[in-house]
């Protein structure tokens, strides 16, 4: 069977004189500045803006329906289909368009730190700053690896190409299309760099489970004794912030795999939210934003070019992309053993979930499948304030397979390696969004530290009457009242109402998981259980 690469002129495109291959960071920075794509900040980082699209565009993401994908993909609202003929036609239109651009940029690298499962990838960019982003986010090859590099998946990114929905089969001028048959990701109509990163993550979420490797939307770090911790959570819940712990070595901040050999990072960099960033609160992230890093949609002072991380003029979803080498305390290579502790992070906008609770295995499976959090402003188009959402496996937008595939693998590994699991609320306390306040980062850090150090194992707990969770009644560094959310609300009846409403949402959402065992189903909120 011929592939789209063989029947297209992709190789011809890459061989054109205007195509720049594997440029170094200084060379790319020079290109970015000379092409007026970005601005140099006072720390040496590049600042760029993304125009209309300042977050992911999930309604414009497709997977090509073909004889292979039809058997495995969990089709629906998240994984929309587009037919193969439409994809091929659009692909050729994009390549013809790119042939006439003044310059193109190619990066060859890898997804996956574990050489046994890594994927050789190639990224072709219309923008130099997108190529710098790609170089910082993925794993860079050494010279020997580069000499023998053969891409098994290619990303073609053409932000200024606009689709015609009536003829191209897209929903708008924007498109992010994955073809597993042709091993191509096609991106157009959006300048948001995160689409490049997340499309490769989606690819890995399709490939790895079929190799008996669990792919996960989580951050990971390791302690001095070799104890590994995983942090699951959607964008804005604190994965990057909480995994960048000066007392622990960072494995990675967003995407990992768990094989029979242990944990490994899928990426080579970090993509951290910058909203309200400060050197006092998040020194590792703050210091990582230097030469080679990319700031996305961060406003700069016109004279000093100093970033204003509190400014949300363009979006609350301001971002920094930087390589792991910009973090001092990292594991090299980004590989470690099996996790001792797993933390599910949720930014609960209703303010009713406990700040930390320990989960049984059944509760862990229930909350992993539920994936409750609140979408925070800016992470997707149209999200301007926190909205309660359930995202299976804390990453359903990036999961081509059915959630049960990933959940069953996680359950097996929790059993096999005896991992402790915690649910941590990094959202609101003392009231819902708009009335209460965001959980103090210092309190969350103290709770997670206590959990990872085993300090909560012997602490007395109480069972939350609404959610059925095991909540510690005290924790070092945290006021006792903070641990019990009902005590932080001025109006206890208002708390009860909100808690009951959220419990019902859990039950309603879980109805979709018809194959879940009775033990897992009964591990959800106690209130309203049928």
Protein backbone atom coordinates (compact mmCIF):
# COMPACT_ATOMS: atom_id res chain seq x y z
CA UNK A 1 0.00 0.00 0.00
CA UNK A 2 1.46 3.35 -0.99
CA UNK A 3 1.55 6.11 1.58
CA UNK A 4 0.72 9.74 1.07
CA UNK A 5 4.43 10.58 1.30
CA UNK A 6 5.13 8.38 -1.72
CA UNK A 7 2.30 9.74 -3.80
CA UNK A 8 2.95 13.36 -2.89
CA UNK A 9 5.75 15.81 -3.46
CA UNK A 10 6.66 16.15 0.23
CA UNK A 11 10.28 15.21 -0.40
CA UNK A 12 10.41 17.68 -3.26
CA UNK A 13 9.08 20.37 -0.94
CA UNK A 14 11.78 19.66 1.64
CA UNK A 15 14.52 19.78 -0.98
CA UNK A 16 13.68 23.31 -2.11
CA UNK A 17 16.35 25.96 -1.62
CA UNK A 18 14.11 27.99 0.71
CA UNK A 19 13.76 25.15 3.24
CA UNK A 20 15.92 25.42 6.36
CA UNK A 21 16.77 22.12 8.06
CA UNK A 22 17.59 21.58 11.73
CA UNK A 23 18.59 25.17 12.48
CA UNK A 24 20.18 25.83 15.85
CA UNK A 25 18.47 27.93 18.51
CA UNK A 26 20.57 31.05 17.70
CA UNK A 27 19.87 30.62 13.99
CA UNK A 28 16.14 30.30 14.60
CA UNK A 29 16.14 33.33 16.89
CA UNK A 30 17.85 35.35 14.15
CA UNK A 31 15.23 34.16 11.64
CA UNK A 32 12.36 35.01 13.98
CA UNK A 33 13.65 38.54 14.53
CA UNK A 34 14.53 39.20 10.89
CA UNK A 35 11.11 37.94 9.77
CA UNK A 36 9.35 40.05 12.45
CA UNK A 37 7.67 36.96 13.87
CA UNK A 38 8.53 37.79 17.46
CA UNK A 39 10.30 40.04 19.93
CA UNK A 40 13.35 39.46 22.12
CA UNK A 41 12.50 39.85 25.81
CA UNK A 42 14.80 41.24 28.49
CA UNK A 43 15.69 37.67 29.56
CA UNK A 44 16.58 36.58 26.02
CA UNK A 45 13.41 34.59 25.38
CA UNK A 46 11.34 35.05 22.22
CA UNK A 47 7.84 36.50 22.57
CA UNK A 48 5.25 35.77 19.89
CA UNK A 49 1.51 36.21 19.55
CA UNK A 50 -0.99 33.82 17.97
CA UNK A 51 -3.70 36.13 16.67
CA UNK A 52 -7.31 35.00 16.91
CA UNK A 53 -6.54 31.53 18.23
CA UNK A 54 -5.03 31.74 21.71
CA UNK A 55 -5.97 28.19 22.72
CA UNK A 56 -6.74 24.81 21.23
CA UNK A 57 -9.60 24.52 18.77
CA UNK A 58 -11.13 21.10 19.55
CA UNK A 59 -14.08 21.57 17.22
CA UNK A 60 -11.63 21.76 14.32
CA UNK A 61 -9.72 18.56 15.13
CA UNK A 62 -10.29 15.45 13.00
CA UNK A 63 -8.99 11.90 12.57
CA UNK A 64 -9.03 10.41 9.09
CA UNK A 65 -11.50 7.55 8.80
CA UNK A 66 -9.86 4.63 6.99
CA UNK A 67 -9.66 0.85 7.15
CA UNK A 68 -7.25 0.98 10.11
CA UNK A 69 -8.61 3.80 12.25
CA UNK A 70 -12.19 2.60 11.86
CA UNK A 71 -11.39 -0.44 14.02
CA UNK A 72 -9.69 1.33 16.92
CA UNK A 73 -10.71 4.99 17.23
CA UNK A 74 -13.42 5.94 19.71
CA UNK A 75 -15.47 8.05 17.30
CA UNK A 76 -17.70 10.83 18.55
CA UNK A 77 -17.71 14.53 19.37
CA UNK A 78 -14.09 14.44 20.53
CA UNK A 79 -12.74 12.25 17.72
CA UNK A 80 -14.50 13.63 14.65
CA UNK A 81 -13.97 11.80 11.40
CA UNK A 82 -13.01 13.11 7.97
CA UNK A 83 -12.78 10.87 4.94
CA UNK A 84 -9.48 9.91 3.36
CA UNK A 85 -10.15 11.52 -0.01
CA UNK A 86 -10.92 14.88 1.59
CA UNK A 87 -7.74 14.66 3.64
CA UNK A 88 -5.54 13.83 0.63
CA UNK A 89 -6.98 16.70 -1.41
CA UNK A 90 -6.49 19.18 1.41
CA UNK A 91 -2.99 17.85 2.04
CA UNK A 92 -1.97 18.53 -1.56
CA UNK A 93 -3.50 22.01 -1.42
CA UNK A 94 -1.46 22.79 1.70
CA UNK A 95 1.77 21.50 0.13
CA UNK A 96 1.17 23.53 -3.03
CA UNK A 97 0.59 26.57 -0.85
CA UNK A 98 3.79 26.00 1.14
CA UNK A 99 5.90 25.66 -2.01
CA UNK A 100 5.36 29.37 -2.64
CA UNK A 101 6.24 30.60 0.84
CA UNK A 102 9.49 32.52 1.21
CA UNK A 103 10.97 30.09 3.75
CA UNK A 104 10.09 26.84 5.50
CA UNK A 105 11.68 25.20 8.54
CA UNK A 106 12.16 21.49 9.25
CA UNK A 107 12.91 19.85 12.60
CA UNK A 108 13.71 16.16 13.04
CA UNK A 109 13.48 14.67 16.51
CA UNK A 110 11.71 12.16 18.71
CA UNK A 111 8.65 11.71 20.89
CA UNK A 112 9.49 9.40 23.78
CA UNK A 113 12.59 9.32 25.99
CA UNK A 114 12.58 5.52 26.21
CA UNK A 115 14.35 4.36 23.06
CA UNK A 116 12.34 1.13 23.10
CA UNK A 117 9.13 3.04 22.39
CA UNK A 118 10.14 6.40 20.97
CA UNK A 119 8.67 7.74 17.75
CA UNK A 120 10.91 9.48 15.17
CA UNK A 121 9.03 12.61 14.08
CA UNK A 122 9.45 15.44 11.61
CA UNK A 123 7.90 18.90 11.89
CA UNK A 124 7.62 21.20 8.86
CA UNK A 125 6.79 24.77 9.85
CA UNK A 126 5.78 27.88 7.97
CA UNK A 127 6.88 30.01 10.95
CA UNK A 128 10.39 30.02 12.38
CA UNK A 129 9.03 30.54 15.89
CA UNK A 130 6.89 27.41 15.56
CA UNK A 131 10.01 25.52 14.58
CA UNK A 132 11.81 26.84 17.67
CA UNK A 133 8.79 25.79 19.73
CA UNK A 134 8.94 22.30 18.20
CA UNK A 135 12.65 22.01 18.84
CA UNK A 136 12.16 22.93 22.50
CA UNK A 137 9.12 20.71 23.07
CA UNK A 138 10.30 17.47 21.49
CA UNK A 139 13.43 15.39 22.05
CA UNK A 140 16.42 16.54 20.04
CA UNK A 141 18.63 13.91 18.39
CA UNK A 142 22.38 13.83 18.73
CA UNK A 143 24.42 13.94 15.54
CA UNK A 144 24.58 10.17 15.15
CA UNK A 145 20.83 9.85 15.65
CA UNK A 146 20.22 12.68 13.20
CA UNK A 147 22.35 10.97 10.56
CA UNK A 148 20.13 7.88 10.75
CA UNK A 149 16.84 9.64 11.45
CA UNK A 150 13.84 8.44 9.44
CA UNK A 151 10.60 10.11 10.44
CA UNK A 152 7.70 7.78 11.11
CA UNK A 153 5.25 10.66 11.58
CA UNK A 154 5.28 14.13 10.01
CA UNK A 155 3.57 17.32 11.18
CA UNK A 156 2.88 19.86 8.43
CA UNK A 157 1.97 23.22 9.95
CA UNK A 158 0.69 26.01 7.70
CA UNK A 159 -0.92 28.65 9.95
CA UNK A 160 -1.66 31.16 7.20
CA UNK A 161 -3.43 28.61 4.98
CA UNK A 162 -7.19 28.90 5.38
CA UNK A 163 -9.46 25.99 4.54
CA UNK A 164 -12.73 26.38 2.64
CA UNK A 165 -15.20 24.34 4.72
CA UNK A 166 -17.72 23.95 1.90
CA UNK A 167 -15.15 22.18 -0.32
CA UNK A 168 -12.53 20.88 2.12
CA UNK A 169 -14.86 19.11 4.55
CA UNK A 170 -13.72 21.06 7.62
CA UNK A 171 -15.87 22.91 10.15
CA UNK A 172 -14.07 26.23 9.65
CA UNK A 173 -10.97 27.71 8.07
CA UNK A 174 -8.97 25.98 10.82
CA UNK A 175 -8.08 22.29 10.86
CA UNK A 176 -5.97 19.84 12.83
CA UNK A 177 -6.15 16.48 11.07
CA UNK A 178 -4.39 13.23 11.99
CA UNK A 179 -4.03 10.40 9.49
CA UNK A 180 -2.71 7.22 11.11
CA UNK A 181 -2.71 5.50 7.72
CA UNK A 182 -0.52 8.12 6.05
CA UNK A 183 1.28 9.03 9.30
CA UNK A 184 0.67 12.74 8.78
CA UNK A 185 -0.63 15.54 10.99
CA UNK A 186 -1.96 18.47 8.96
CA UNK A 187 -2.46 21.82 10.69
CA UNK A 188 -3.75 25.03 9.16
CA UNK A 189 -5.60 28.23 9.98
CA UNK A 190 -4.28 28.57 13.54
CA UNK A 191 -1.07 30.07 14.89
CA UNK A 192 -1.49 28.50 18.34
CA UNK A 193 1.67 26.41 18.79
CA UNK A 194 0.05 24.07 21.29
CA UNK A 195 -1.73 22.29 18.43
CA UNK A 196 1.65 20.92 17.28
CA UNK A 197 2.47 19.53 20.69
CA UNK A 198 -0.95 18.04 21.40
CA UNK A 199 -1.32 16.44 17.98
CA UNK A 200 1.81 14.36 18.55
CA UNK A 201 0.52 13.48 22.02
CA UNK A 202 -2.68 12.21 20.38
CA UNK A 203 -0.56 10.13 18.03
CA UNK A 204 1.33 8.60 20.96
CA UNK A 205 -1.96 7.90 22.73
CA UNK A 206 -2.93 5.80 19.72
CA UNK A 207 0.38 4.00 19.22
CA UNK A 208 1.63 3.23 22.74
CA UNK A 209 -1.35 1.32 24.23
CA UNK A 210 -1.18 -1.04 21.28
CA UNK A 211 2.39 -1.79 22.44
CA UNK A 212 1.13 -2.49 25.98
CA UNK A 213 2.42 0.89 27.18
CA UNK A 214 0.11 3.29 29.04
CA UNK A 215 0.29 6.86 27.70
CA UNK A 216 -0.73 9.50 30.22
CA UNK A 217 -1.55 13.20 30.42
CA UNK A 218 0.47 13.83 33.56
CA UNK A 219 3.63 15.33 34.98
CA UNK A 220 6.17 13.30 36.90
CA UNK A 221 9.05 13.75 39.32
CA UNK A 222 11.29 11.62 41.49
CA UNK A 223 12.51 12.01 45.07
CA UNK A 224 15.96 11.51 46.58
CA UNK A 225 15.14 7.90 47.44
CA UNK A 226 14.04 7.16 43.88
CA UNK A 227 10.33 7.42 44.72
CA UNK A 228 8.32 8.47 41.66
CA UNK A 229 5.16 10.60 41.69
CA UNK A 230 2.67 11.21 38.87
CA UNK A 231 0.41 14.27 38.65
CA UNK A 232 -2.67 13.97 36.44
CA UNK A 233 -4.79 16.95 35.51
CA UNK A 234 -6.04 19.11 32.69
CA UNK A 235 -4.46 22.41 31.71
CA UNK A 236 -4.49 24.91 34.56
CA UNK A 237 -4.79 22.41 37.41
CA UNK A 238 -1.15 22.75 38.44
CA UNK A 239 0.71 19.83 36.85
CA UNK A 240 3.66 21.93 35.73
CA UNK A 241 3.80 24.04 38.88
CA UNK A 242 3.53 21.19 41.37
CA UNK A 243 5.91 18.84 39.58
CA UNK A 244 8.61 21.55 39.49
CA UNK A 245 9.59 20.87 43.09
CA UNK A 246 13.12 21.97 44.15
CA UNK A 247 13.29 18.96 46.49
CA UNK A 248 12.53 16.48 43.72
CA UNK A 249 13.93 15.94 40.22
CA UNK A 250 11.61 16.66 37.33
CA UNK A 251 10.99 13.89 34.82
CA UNK A 252 8.57 15.95 32.74
CA UNK A 253 5.61 18.29 33.04
CA UNK A 254 2.81 17.01 30.81
CA UNK A 255 3.08 13.74 28.88
CA UNK A 256 4.45 10.38 30.00
CA UNK A 257 4.31 6.68 29.32
CA UNK A 258 4.28 3.81 31.81
CA UNK A 259 5.75 0.56 30.53
CA UNK A 260 6.95 -2.59 32.27
CA UNK A 261 10.27 -0.77 32.65
CA UNK A 262 8.85 2.29 34.44
CA UNK A 263 8.00 5.92 33.64
CA UNK A 264 9.43 7.91 30.73
CA UNK A 265 8.75 11.37 29.35
CA UNK A 266 7.21 11.66 25.90
CA UNK A 267 8.57 15.20 25.43
CA UNK A 268 11.83 17.05 25.76
CA UNK A 269 10.44 20.31 27.07
CA UNK A 270 7.78 22.07 29.13
CA UNK A 271 4.77 24.17 28.12
CA UNK A 272 3.92 26.09 31.26
CA UNK A 273 1.07 28.52 31.89
CA UNK A 274 2.42 31.97 32.71
CA UNK A 275 -0.58 33.71 34.19
CA UNK A 276 0.50 35.52 37.39
CA UNK A 277 3.94 33.90 37.19
CA UNK A 278 6.49 35.20 39.70
CA UNK A 279 9.98 34.28 40.82
CA UNK A 280 8.71 33.96 44.39
CA UNK A 281 5.89 31.48 43.69
CA UNK A 282 7.41 29.46 40.84
CA UNK A 283 11.17 30.11 40.69
CA UNK A 284 12.05 27.14 38.48
CA UNK A 285 9.58 28.11 35.76
CA UNK A 286 10.44 31.81 36.06
CA UNK A 287 14.18 31.14 35.69
CA UNK A 288 13.64 28.75 32.77
CA UNK A 289 12.33 31.59 30.59
CA UNK A 290 15.59 32.67 29.06
CA UNK A 291 17.38 32.50 25.69
CA UNK A 292 15.83 29.72 23.63
CA UNK A 293 12.49 29.80 25.43
CA UNK A 294 9.31 30.95 23.69
CA UNK A 295 6.68 33.13 25.36
CA UNK A 296 3.25 32.86 23.78
CA UNK A 297 0.77 35.77 24.03
CA UNK A 298 2.58 37.38 26.99
CA UNK A 299 2.44 41.18 26.95
CA UNK A 300 5.80 43.00 27.12
CA UNK A 301 6.69 46.45 28.38
CA UNK A 302 7.38 48.48 25.22
CA UNK A 303 10.65 49.94 26.49
CA UNK A 304 12.22 47.29 28.72
CA UNK A 305 10.70 44.25 26.95
CA UNK A 306 10.03 42.84 30.39
CA UNK A 307 7.10 40.37 30.44
CA UNK A 308 3.99 41.38 32.34
CA UNK A 309 2.74 38.00 33.53
CA UNK A 310 -0.31 39.54 35.19
CA UNK A 311 -1.55 41.06 31.94
CA UNK A 312 -4.39 39.11 30.32
CA UNK A 313 -5.04 41.51 27.43
CA UNK A 314 -4.62 38.79 24.81
CA UNK A 315 -5.63 35.75 26.87
CA UNK A 316 -5.38 34.14 30.28
CA UNK A 317 -3.78 31.19 28.50
CA UNK A 318 -0.33 32.77 28.31
CA UNK A 319 2.40 30.16 27.87
CA UNK A 320 6.13 29.53 28.06
CA UNK A 321 7.83 26.76 26.10
CA UNK A 322 11.34 25.78 27.16
CA UNK A 323 13.56 22.69 27.08
CA UNK A 324 14.04 20.50 30.13
CA UNK A 325 17.68 21.60 30.14
CA UNK A 326 16.44 25.01 31.39
CA UNK A 327 15.39 23.31 34.63
CA UNK A 328 18.34 22.55 36.89
CA UNK A 329 16.77 19.73 38.86
CA UNK A 330 15.86 17.19 36.17
CA UNK A 331 16.36 13.50 35.47
CA UNK A 332 18.61 12.82 32.47
CA UNK A 333 17.47 10.97 30.46
CA UNK A 334 13.82 11.53 31.41
CA UNK A 335 13.26 7.99 32.65
CA UNK A 336 12.54 6.62 36.14
CA UNK A 337 11.00 3.67 37.96
CA UNK A 338 7.40 2.81 38.73
CA UNK A 339 5.32 5.41 40.64
CA UNK A 340 4.93 5.14 44.39
CA UNK A 341 2.23 7.82 44.40
CA UNK A 342 -0.33 9.08 41.89
CA UNK A 343 -2.04 12.44 42.32
CA UNK A 344 -5.22 13.42 40.50
CA UNK A 345 -5.42 17.23 40.30
CA UNK A 346 -8.73 19.02 39.90
CA UNK A 347 -9.44 22.74 39.86
CA UNK A 348 -12.91 22.51 41.40
CA UNK A 349 -14.71 25.76 40.59
CA UNK A 350 -17.60 24.88 42.91
CA UNK A 351 -15.29 24.95 45.94
CA UNK A 352 -16.75 21.82 47.56
CA UNK A 353 -14.18 19.05 47.00
CA UNK A 354 -11.66 18.46 49.82
CA UNK A 355 -8.18 19.85 49.14
CA UNK A 356 -6.74 16.34 49.53
CA UNK A 357 -8.16 12.87 50.01
CA UNK A 358 -6.80 9.36 49.71
CA UNK A 359 -8.49 7.03 47.26
CA UNK A 360 -9.09 3.32 47.29
CA UNK A 361 -8.26 1.51 44.07
CA UNK A 362 -11.95 1.55 43.11
CA UNK A 363 -12.22 5.26 43.84
CA UNK A 364 -9.07 5.83 41.83
CA UNK A 365 -10.61 4.10 38.83
CA UNK A 366 -13.87 6.05 39.28
CA UNK A 367 -12.15 9.43 39.43
CA UNK A 368 -9.74 8.57 36.61
CA UNK A 369 -12.64 7.70 34.32
CA UNK A 370 -14.55 10.78 35.51
CA UNK A 371 -11.64 13.19 35.11
CA UNK A 372 -13.50 16.01 36.81
CA UNK A 373 -12.09 19.52 36.75
CA UNK A 374 -13.02 23.01 35.58
CA UNK A 375 -11.85 24.25 32.21
CA UNK A 376 -9.99 27.44 32.95
CA UNK A 377 -10.21 30.61 30.93
CA UNK A 378 -8.27 30.67 27.69
CA UNK A 379 -7.33 27.00 27.37
CA UNK A 380 -9.92 26.61 24.62
CA UNK A 381 -11.66 29.10 22.36
CA UNK A 382 -14.75 30.57 24.00
CA UNK A 383 -13.82 29.65 27.57
CA UNK A 384 -13.76 32.94 29.50
CA UNK A 385 -14.51 31.68 33.03
CA UNK A 386 -14.14 28.30 34.75
CA UNK A 387 -16.63 25.69 33.58
CA UNK A 388 -17.21 22.33 35.25
CA UNK A 389 -16.25 19.51 32.94
CA UNK A 390 -15.56 15.80 32.95
CA UNK A 391 -12.62 14.74 30.81
CA UNK A 392 -12.06 10.99 30.92
CA UNK A 393 -8.56 10.01 32.04
CA UNK A 394 -7.84 13.73 32.60
CA UNK A 395 -7.17 14.12 28.90
CA UNK A 396 -10.07 12.98 26.70
CA UNK A 397 -9.39 15.61 23.96
CA UNK A 398 -6.16 13.73 23.19
CA UNK A 399 -7.37 10.12 23.48
CA UNK A 400 -8.13 8.42 20.16
CA UNK A 401 -9.01 5.13 21.90
CA UNK A 402 -11.88 4.44 24.29
CA UNK A 403 -11.24 5.73 27.86
CA UNK A 404 -11.69 2.20 29.20
CA UNK A 405 -8.50 1.14 27.39
CA UNK A 406 -6.38 3.60 29.37
CA UNK A 407 -8.33 3.13 32.61
CA UNK A 408 -7.98 -0.64 32.61
CA UNK A 409 -4.24 -0.34 32.01
CA UNK A 410 -3.91 2.14 34.89
CA UNK A 411 -5.88 -0.12 37.23
CA UNK A 412 -3.66 -3.07 36.39
CA UNK A 413 -0.53 -1.03 37.08
CA UNK A 414 -1.84 0.36 40.39
CA UNK A 415 -2.40 -3.24 41.48
CA UNK A 416 0.90 -4.49 40.13
CA UNK A 417 3.08 -1.78 41.67
CA UNK A 418 0.98 -0.92 44.75
CA UNK A 419 0.81 2.81 44.00
CA UNK A 420 -0.96 5.15 46.45
CA UNK A 421 -3.53 7.46 44.84
CA UNK A 422 -4.70 10.89 46.02
CA UNK A 423 -7.31 13.38 44.79
CA UNK A 424 -6.12 16.98 45.23
CA UNK A 425 -8.30 20.04 44.68
CA UNK A 426 -6.23 23.02 43.50
CA UNK A 427 -9.40 25.02 42.78
CA UNK A 428 -11.56 27.11 45.06
CA UNK A 429 -12.19 27.14 48.81
CA UNK A 430 -14.55 29.13 51.00
CA UNK A 431 -17.07 29.37 48.20
CA UNK A 432 -17.50 28.81 44.50
CA UNK A 433 -15.66 30.75 41.80
CA UNK A 434 -16.52 34.43 42.18
CA UNK A 435 -17.12 34.16 45.94
CA UNK A 436 -14.39 31.94 47.35
CA UNK A 437 -10.65 32.11 46.78
CA UNK A 438 -8.21 29.91 44.91
CA UNK A 439 -6.51 27.31 47.11
CA UNK A 440 -3.19 28.64 48.40
CA UNK A 441 -0.29 27.13 46.48
CA UNK A 442 1.69 26.85 49.71
CA UNK A 443 -1.08 24.73 51.26
CA UNK A 444 -1.26 22.48 48.21
CA UNK A 445 2.50 22.02 48.21
CA UNK A 446 2.41 21.09 51.91
CA UNK A 447 -0.34 18.53 51.36
CA UNK A 448 1.40 16.93 48.41
CA UNK A 449 4.71 16.87 50.27
CA UNK A 450 3.04 15.11 53.19
CA UNK A 451 1.40 12.59 50.84
CA UNK A 452 4.62 11.80 48.98
CA UNK A 453 6.63 11.48 52.19
CA UNK A 454 4.09 9.08 53.69
CA UNK A 455 3.13 11.54 56.43
CA UNK A 456 -0.61 11.05 55.76
CA UNK A 457 -0.54 7.27 56.02
CA UNK A 458 -1.04 7.29 59.79
CA UNK A 459 -3.19 10.43 60.04
CA UNK A 460 -6.78 10.02 61.21
CA UNK A 461 -9.29 10.53 58.41
CA UNK A 462 -13.00 11.16 58.15
CA UNK A 463 -15.31 10.07 55.37
CA UNK A 464 -16.80 13.01 53.50
CA UNK A 465 -20.58 12.38 53.71
CA UNK A 466 -21.26 13.67 50.18
CA UNK A 467 -18.35 12.31 48.16
CA UNK A 468 -17.33 9.32 50.28
CA UNK A 469 -13.68 10.39 50.24
CA UNK A 470 -11.11 9.68 52.97
CA UNK A 471 -10.03 13.14 54.15
CA UNK A 472 -7.14 13.65 56.60
CA UNK A 473 -8.16 15.77 59.59
CA UNK A 474 -4.72 17.37 59.88
CA UNK A 475 -1.68 17.91 57.70
CA UNK A 476 1.64 19.65 58.46
CA UNK A 477 1.65 23.23 57.20
CA UNK A 478 -2.10 23.41 56.58
CA UNK A 479 -4.78 24.83 58.93
CA UNK A 480 -7.17 22.05 59.98
CA UNK A 481 -10.27 23.96 58.83
CA UNK A 482 -8.88 24.19 55.28
CA UNK A 483 -8.96 20.41 55.01
CA UNK A 484 -12.72 20.31 55.53
CA UNK A 485 -14.29 22.50 52.80
CA UNK A 486 -17.66 22.88 54.51
CA UNK A 487 -15.95 24.71 57.39
CA UNK A 488 -14.46 27.28 54.99
CA UNK A 489 -17.88 28.41 53.71
CA UNK A 490 -19.78 31.21 55.47
CA UNK A 491 -23.09 29.59 54.51
CA UNK A 492 -23.08 25.85 55.23
CA UNK A 493 -26.45 25.36 53.52
CA UNK A 494 -25.07 26.92 50.35
CA UNK A 495 -22.15 24.50 50.57
CA UNK A 496 -24.49 21.54 50.93
CA UNK A 497 -26.47 22.60 47.89
CA UNK A 498 -23.37 23.02 45.73
CA UNK A 499 -21.92 19.72 46.95
CA UNK A 500 -25.14 17.85 46.18
CA UNK A 501 -25.28 19.43 42.72
CA UNK A 502 -21.72 18.35 41.96
CA UNK A 503 -22.37 14.81 43.24
CA UNK A 504 -25.32 14.52 40.88
CA UNK A 505 -23.13 15.69 37.99
CA UNK A 506 -20.65 12.93 38.81
CA UNK A 507 -23.41 10.32 38.73
CA UNK A 508 -24.91 11.68 35.53
CA UNK A 509 -21.53 11.73 33.77
CA UNK A 510 -20.62 8.21 34.87
CA UNK A 511 -23.69 6.72 33.19
CA UNK A 512 -21.67 6.60 29.96
CA UNK A 513 -19.31 3.99 31.43
CA UNK A 514 -21.72 1.11 31.14
CA UNK A 515 -18.99 -1.53 31.33
CA UNK A 516 -17.59 -0.30 34.66
CA UNK A 517 -17.81 -2.92 37.42
CA UNK A 518 -20.28 -2.44 40.31
CA UNK A 519 -17.35 -1.87 42.70
CA UNK A 520 -16.05 1.01 40.58
CA UNK A 521 -19.52 2.45 40.02
CA UNK A 522 -20.23 2.43 43.77
CA UNK A 523 -16.93 4.20 44.49
CA UNK A 524 -18.39 7.53 43.37
CA UNK A 525 -20.09 10.15 45.56
CA UNK A 526 -22.18 8.68 48.37
CA UNK A 527 -24.88 11.30 47.93
CA UNK A 528 -27.42 10.41 45.24
CA UNK A 529 -26.01 6.95 44.62
CA UNK A 530 -28.63 4.61 43.19
